[in-house]
């Protein structure tokens, strides 16, 4: 098998067409990444497999069970062409923004919306699975954001509430690795530098819920800065340090700058790109935002990284849920 080649520069559309001119080229690249990451037999778990060119499948040398190229990957169960997946991965990584399913459907010339919508959410799902492998450490900012989403069907009969408790709002815990600047920042500069972020949709703001998410997302030796929310009462026992304080709204940019920059940027992106996001799908959109933010300096490697995790992870996204809009 030929070694995986490195794509030059930030791949433009004409470069994508050069590297991936047809279905065979996309299939070949995907197989290269599967071979690099290692293929496990779906029956016995052995990694001792051989590729059968005539069958276009892997065969286990021990139990002789065969595994398709898509099996166990983001494409598991999909019948869409490899080219569709590669075009989607290119468009998702080529810009800081995103692409709607309706626009991708138009670009692909596909006659059905639903499979394209599922494709994008499956990619966003494996983005989240990849980021779930890592925990945040060091100096941490933590707060909650409230994102506008559609009213769930089971709550549409209820009287509409105002504020953060509104049925139109979904609660999101936002965490950022944020290191204070060594020197006094110049005018226009932030008082802290940011590394990685996480955004996790939560059902409520109870201490039990907050504690569980924080415990699996943050290293124990971290030093947390938060506001004085009553649900953060256990953080002092869970982490090395917890600085809780009443924060005047005008001081948010000094105390928790990157959490609120992330929230504002994510809200702007979602509002510009999508209309009527269902609360049950908000996490996938946030997965994409965080995945790209955390790899904002990857440049030309971002596309290949997405191909790699697509070949390595099977999505947990529950498909076959009919949607009419993005």
Protein backbone atom coordinates (compact mmCIF):
# COMPACT_ATOMS: atom_id res chain seq x y z
CA UNK A 1 0.00 0.00 0.00
CA UNK A 2 1.34 3.40 -1.00
CA UNK A 3 2.19 5.74 1.88
CA UNK A 4 -0.27 8.51 2.67
CA UNK A 5 0.82 11.66 0.89
CA UNK A 6 0.72 15.15 2.38
CA UNK A 7 -1.61 17.68 0.84
CA UNK A 8 0.08 20.93 -0.08
CA UNK A 9 -0.98 24.20 1.50
CA UNK A 10 -4.58 24.87 2.60
CA UNK A 11 -6.43 22.77 0.08
CA UNK A 12 -8.43 24.86 -2.36
CA UNK A 13 -11.26 23.52 -4.51
CA UNK A 14 -9.07 22.98 -7.56
CA UNK A 15 -6.53 21.14 -5.40
CA UNK A 16 -9.25 18.92 -3.98
CA UNK A 17 -10.30 18.02 -7.50
CA UNK A 18 -6.67 17.20 -8.33
CA UNK A 19 -6.21 14.85 -5.38
CA UNK A 20 -9.70 13.33 -5.44
CA UNK A 21 -10.95 13.35 -9.04
CA UNK A 22 -13.23 10.33 -8.69
CA UNK A 23 -14.78 7.74 -6.40
CA UNK A 24 -11.78 5.40 -6.70
CA UNK A 25 -9.36 8.07 -5.44
CA UNK A 26 -11.53 8.78 -2.38
CA UNK A 27 -11.95 5.09 -1.63
CA UNK A 28 -8.18 4.54 -1.95
CA UNK A 29 -7.38 7.41 0.43
CA UNK A 30 -9.90 6.17 2.96
CA UNK A 31 -8.39 2.68 2.86
CA UNK A 32 -4.91 4.14 3.38
CA UNK A 33 -6.09 5.72 6.61
CA UNK A 34 -7.85 2.54 7.73
CA UNK A 35 -4.63 0.57 7.18
CA UNK A 36 -2.61 3.21 9.03
CA UNK A 37 -4.93 3.25 12.04
CA UNK A 38 -5.35 -0.54 12.08
CA UNK A 39 -8.40 -2.64 11.23
CA UNK A 40 -9.96 -4.91 13.85
CA UNK A 41 -12.02 -7.94 12.93
CA UNK A 42 -15.66 -7.22 13.75
CA UNK A 43 -16.13 -10.83 14.88
CA UNK A 44 -13.09 -11.78 17.02
CA UNK A 45 -11.30 -8.46 17.46
CA UNK A 46 -8.04 -9.58 15.88
CA UNK A 47 -5.97 -6.98 14.04
CA UNK A 48 -4.38 -9.64 11.85
CA UNK A 49 -6.36 -9.00 8.68
CA UNK A 50 -5.65 -9.06 4.96
CA UNK A 51 -7.18 -6.99 2.17
CA UNK A 52 -9.01 -8.95 -0.52
CA UNK A 53 -8.78 -6.83 -3.66
CA UNK A 54 -11.31 -8.92 -5.55
CA UNK A 55 -13.91 -8.55 -2.77
CA UNK A 56 -12.92 -5.03 -1.69
CA UNK A 57 -13.05 -6.26 1.91
CA UNK A 58 -10.75 -7.17 4.79
CA UNK A 59 -10.58 -10.81 5.89
CA UNK A 60 -9.46 -11.96 9.33
CA UNK A 61 -6.61 -14.50 9.19
CA UNK A 62 -7.94 -16.22 12.32
CA UNK A 63 -11.71 -16.56 11.93
CA UNK A 64 -11.93 -15.59 8.23
CA UNK A 65 -14.69 -13.08 8.98
CA UNK A 66 -14.87 -10.30 6.41
CA UNK A 67 -15.10 -6.61 7.15
CA UNK A 68 -16.12 -3.99 4.62
CA UNK A 69 -14.17 -0.78 4.12
CA UNK A 70 -16.99 1.22 5.72
CA UNK A 71 -17.64 -1.11 8.66
CA UNK A 72 -16.73 0.36 12.03
CA UNK A 73 -16.19 3.85 10.59
CA UNK A 74 -18.24 7.02 10.30
CA UNK A 75 -19.64 5.55 7.06
CA UNK A 76 -20.93 2.39 8.75
CA UNK A 77 -24.25 1.46 7.14
CA UNK A 78 -24.11 4.33 4.62
CA UNK A 79 -24.62 3.79 0.91
CA UNK A 80 -23.61 7.30 -0.11
CA UNK A 81 -20.55 7.53 -2.38
CA UNK A 82 -17.13 8.05 -0.82
CA UNK A 83 -16.90 11.19 -2.94
CA UNK A 84 -19.86 12.70 -1.05
CA UNK A 85 -18.11 12.15 2.27
CA UNK A 86 -14.83 13.61 1.03
CA UNK A 87 -16.53 16.70 -0.42
CA UNK A 88 -18.31 17.22 2.91
CA UNK A 89 -15.07 16.85 4.88
CA UNK A 90 -13.34 19.32 2.58
CA UNK A 91 -16.09 21.92 2.89
CA UNK A 92 -16.26 21.51 6.68
CA UNK A 93 -12.52 22.07 7.10
CA UNK A 94 -11.77 24.58 4.32
CA UNK A 95 -13.24 27.56 6.19
CA UNK A 96 -13.80 28.73 9.76
CA UNK A 97 -17.53 28.60 9.18
CA UNK A 98 -19.68 25.57 8.45
CA UNK A 99 -21.99 24.39 5.69
CA UNK A 100 -25.68 23.59 5.93
CA UNK A 101 -27.13 20.31 4.74
CA UNK A 102 -29.29 22.18 2.24
CA UNK A 103 -26.22 23.84 0.71
CA UNK A 104 -24.25 20.59 0.65
CA UNK A 105 -27.19 18.86 -1.01
CA UNK A 106 -27.21 21.57 -3.66
CA UNK A 107 -23.45 21.32 -4.20
CA UNK A 108 -23.65 17.53 -4.55
CA UNK A 109 -26.74 17.60 -6.73
CA UNK A 110 -28.33 14.91 -4.58
CA UNK A 111 -32.11 14.57 -4.85
CA UNK A 112 -32.79 13.81 -1.18
CA UNK A 113 -32.07 16.05 1.81
CA UNK A 114 -32.22 13.51 4.64
CA UNK A 115 -29.13 11.38 3.78
CA UNK A 116 -27.00 14.52 3.36
CA UNK A 117 -28.23 15.91 6.68
CA UNK A 118 -27.36 12.59 8.36
CA UNK A 119 -23.91 12.56 6.74
CA UNK A 120 -23.00 15.95 8.24
CA UNK A 121 -24.25 15.00 11.70
CA UNK A 122 -22.29 11.76 11.62
CA UNK A 123 -19.12 13.71 10.87
CA UNK A 124 -19.89 16.11 13.71
CA UNK A 125 -20.51 13.14 15.98
CA UNK A 126 -17.04 11.67 15.42
CA UNK A 127 -15.53 15.14 15.90
CA UNK A 128 -17.06 15.06 19.37
CA UNK A 129 -15.86 11.52 20.03
CA UNK A 130 -12.32 12.55 19.18
CA UNK A 131 -12.39 15.57 21.50
CA UNK A 132 -13.90 13.42 24.27
CA UNK A 133 -10.57 11.56 24.42
CA UNK A 134 -8.89 14.63 25.90
CA UNK A 135 -9.35 16.38 29.23
CA UNK A 136 -8.54 20.02 29.95
CA UNK A 137 -5.82 20.99 32.40
CA UNK A 138 -3.99 23.92 33.96
CA UNK A 139 -5.88 27.18 34.43
CA UNK A 140 -9.56 26.73 33.56
CA UNK A 141 -12.45 29.10 32.93
CA UNK A 142 -15.91 27.59 33.38
CA UNK A 143 -19.40 29.01 32.93
CA UNK A 144 -22.75 28.20 31.32
CA UNK A 145 -24.18 29.53 28.09
CA UNK A 146 -27.79 29.49 26.92
CA UNK A 147 -28.35 28.75 23.23
CA UNK A 148 -31.58 29.38 21.34
CA UNK A 149 -33.13 26.16 20.05
CA UNK A 150 -36.55 24.92 18.97
CA UNK A 151 -39.10 24.19 21.67
CA UNK A 152 -39.20 20.40 22.26
CA UNK A 153 -42.46 18.77 21.19
CA UNK A 154 -43.24 17.62 24.73
CA UNK A 155 -43.00 21.23 25.99
CA UNK A 156 -44.91 23.07 23.27
CA UNK A 157 -48.12 22.98 25.30
CA UNK A 158 -46.44 24.69 28.26
CA UNK A 159 -46.60 28.41 28.91
CA UNK A 160 -43.47 30.01 27.46
CA UNK A 161 -41.03 31.08 30.18
CA UNK A 162 -38.67 34.04 29.98
CA UNK A 163 -34.92 34.20 30.53
CA UNK A 164 -32.51 31.32 31.01
CA UNK A 165 -35.32 28.94 31.96
CA UNK A 166 -37.14 29.42 28.67
CA UNK A 167 -38.12 26.35 26.67
CA UNK A 168 -36.36 28.06 23.76
CA UNK A 169 -33.00 27.89 25.55
CA UNK A 170 -30.63 24.93 25.84
CA UNK A 171 -28.06 24.93 28.64
CA UNK A 172 -24.41 24.40 27.72
CA UNK A 173 -21.41 24.06 30.01
CA UNK A 174 -18.45 25.88 28.47
CA UNK A 175 -14.87 25.17 29.62
CA UNK A 176 -11.67 26.81 28.39
CA UNK A 177 -7.98 26.28 29.11
CA UNK A 178 -7.03 29.88 29.77
CA UNK A 179 -3.56 30.93 30.95
CA UNK A 180 -3.06 34.44 32.40
CA UNK A 181 -0.64 36.58 30.41
CA UNK A 182 2.85 36.89 31.91
CA UNK A 183 2.92 40.61 31.22
CA UNK A 184 0.33 43.35 31.38
CA UNK A 185 -1.64 43.01 28.12
CA UNK A 186 -1.51 45.84 25.64
CA UNK A 187 -4.64 47.72 24.64
CA UNK A 188 -6.97 45.40 22.72
CA UNK A 189 -5.22 42.23 23.89
CA UNK A 190 -6.85 39.65 26.15
CA UNK A 191 -5.60 39.21 29.73
CA UNK A 192 -5.37 35.44 29.11
CA UNK A 193 -4.35 33.14 26.27
CA UNK A 194 -6.58 30.24 25.29
CA UNK A 195 -5.64 26.71 24.32
CA UNK A 196 -8.53 24.22 24.09
CA UNK A 197 -12.25 24.44 24.82
CA UNK A 198 -15.17 22.13 25.46
CA UNK A 199 -18.91 22.77 25.10
CA UNK A 200 -21.28 20.19 26.58
CA UNK A 201 -25.08 20.38 26.46
CA UNK A 202 -26.53 19.71 29.92
CA UNK A 203 -30.14 18.97 30.92
CA UNK A 204 -30.08 21.21 34.00
CA UNK A 205 -27.82 23.27 36.26
CA UNK A 206 -27.98 21.00 39.30
CA UNK A 207 -24.72 20.43 41.18
CA UNK A 208 -24.88 16.68 40.49
CA UNK A 209 -25.06 17.31 36.73
CA UNK A 210 -22.34 19.97 36.74
CA UNK A 211 -20.01 17.82 38.87
CA UNK A 212 -20.33 14.80 36.57
CA UNK A 213 -19.51 16.78 33.43
CA UNK A 214 -16.63 18.63 35.10
CA UNK A 215 -15.12 15.42 36.49
CA UNK A 216 -14.88 13.76 33.08
CA UNK A 217 -13.76 16.91 31.25
CA UNK A 218 -11.13 18.45 33.56
CA UNK A 219 -7.97 17.09 35.21
CA UNK A 220 -8.05 16.96 39.01
CA UNK A 221 -4.96 19.15 39.36
CA UNK A 222 -6.61 22.02 37.43
CA UNK A 223 -7.17 25.50 38.86
CA UNK A 224 -10.69 26.73 38.13
CA UNK A 225 -12.06 30.25 37.88
CA UNK A 226 -15.85 30.62 37.89
CA UNK A 227 -18.60 32.94 39.01
CA UNK A 228 -20.40 32.28 42.30
CA UNK A 229 -23.04 29.91 40.88
CA UNK A 230 -24.52 27.77 43.64
CA UNK A 231 -23.97 24.56 41.65
CA UNK A 232 -20.17 24.93 41.86
CA UNK A 233 -20.16 24.16 45.58
CA UNK A 234 -18.15 20.90 45.25
CA UNK A 235 -15.39 22.17 42.95
CA UNK A 236 -13.09 23.04 45.86
CA UNK A 237 -13.00 19.33 46.77
CA UNK A 238 -12.77 18.04 43.20
CA UNK A 239 -9.88 20.16 41.91
CA UNK A 240 -6.60 21.61 43.19
CA UNK A 241 -7.98 25.13 43.29
CA UNK A 242 -11.33 26.80 42.75
CA UNK A 243 -11.66 30.58 42.67
CA UNK A 244 -15.33 31.53 42.85
CA UNK A 245 -16.37 35.17 42.78
CA UNK A 246 -19.22 37.53 42.11
CA UNK A 247 -18.46 38.97 38.67
CA UNK A 248 -19.71 42.37 37.63
CA UNK A 249 -20.93 42.21 33.99
CA UNK A 250 -18.33 44.80 32.98
CA UNK A 251 -15.55 42.54 34.32
CA UNK A 252 -16.55 39.39 32.42
CA UNK A 253 -13.99 40.14 29.70
CA UNK A 254 -11.23 40.25 32.32
CA UNK A 255 -12.19 37.29 34.53
CA UNK A 256 -13.75 34.82 32.07
CA UNK A 257 -12.77 36.21 28.66
CA UNK A 258 -12.44 33.09 26.54
CA UNK A 259 -15.51 31.27 27.79
CA UNK A 260 -17.66 34.20 26.71
CA UNK A 261 -15.79 34.77 23.46
CA UNK A 262 -16.41 31.11 22.61
CA UNK A 263 -20.09 31.39 23.50
CA UNK A 264 -20.54 34.57 21.45
CA UNK A 265 -18.69 33.16 18.42
CA UNK A 266 -20.60 29.88 18.51
CA UNK A 267 -23.95 31.68 18.77
CA UNK A 268 -23.07 33.97 15.86
CA UNK A 269 -21.97 31.04 13.70
CA UNK A 270 -25.11 29.03 14.41
CA UNK A 271 -27.41 32.01 13.86
CA UNK A 272 -25.74 32.81 10.52
CA UNK A 273 -25.80 29.23 9.23
CA UNK A 274 -28.87 27.50 10.60
CA UNK A 275 -32.51 28.13 11.41
CA UNK A 276 -34.47 26.27 14.04
CA UNK A 277 -31.89 23.95 15.59
CA UNK A 278 -33.51 21.11 17.51
CA UNK A 279 -32.16 20.85 21.08
CA UNK A 280 -31.40 17.17 20.53
CA UNK A 281 -28.96 18.09 17.73
CA UNK A 282 -27.26 21.10 19.33
CA UNK A 283 -24.38 18.99 20.65
CA UNK A 284 -23.35 17.93 17.14
CA UNK A 285 -23.10 21.55 15.99
CA UNK A 286 -21.06 22.44 19.08
CA UNK A 287 -18.82 19.41 18.42
CA UNK A 288 -17.88 20.91 15.07
CA UNK A 289 -17.26 24.37 16.51
CA UNK A 290 -14.98 23.03 19.28
CA UNK A 291 -13.18 20.57 17.02
CA UNK A 292 -12.21 23.30 14.57
CA UNK A 293 -11.39 25.81 17.32
CA UNK A 294 -9.09 23.33 19.06
CA UNK A 295 -7.27 22.71 15.75
CA UNK A 296 -7.27 26.27 14.49
CA UNK A 297 -3.51 26.13 13.81
CA UNK A 298 -3.53 22.80 11.97
CA UNK A 299 -3.85 24.44 8.57
CA UNK A 300 -3.41 21.89 5.79
CA UNK A 301 -3.56 18.99 8.26
CA UNK A 302 -7.16 19.61 9.32
CA UNK A 303 -8.71 17.81 6.34
CA UNK A 304 -6.49 14.74 6.75
CA UNK A 305 -7.20 14.67 10.49
CA UNK A 306 -10.93 14.54 9.79
CA UNK A 307 -10.44 11.75 7.27
CA UNK A 308 -8.38 9.91 9.87
CA UNK A 309 -10.98 10.08 12.65
CA UNK A 310 -13.70 9.23 10.12
CA UNK A 311 -11.81 6.01 9.39
CA UNK A 312 -11.22 5.34 13.10
CA UNK A 313 -14.56 6.01 14.80
CA UNK A 314 -18.03 4.62 14.34
CA UNK A 315 -20.60 7.33 14.90
CA UNK A 316 -23.11 7.25 17.75
CA UNK A 317 -25.45 9.58 15.88
CA UNK A 318 -28.97 8.17 15.79
CA UNK A 319 -30.04 8.50 12.20
CA UNK A 320 -33.35 7.83 10.46
CA UNK A 321 -34.86 10.83 12.25
CA UNK A 322 -36.59 12.78 9.54
CA UNK A 323 -35.72 16.46 9.30
CA UNK A 324 -37.09 19.08 6.92
CA UNK A 325 -34.61 21.82 7.75
CA UNK A 326 -30.90 22.14 8.56
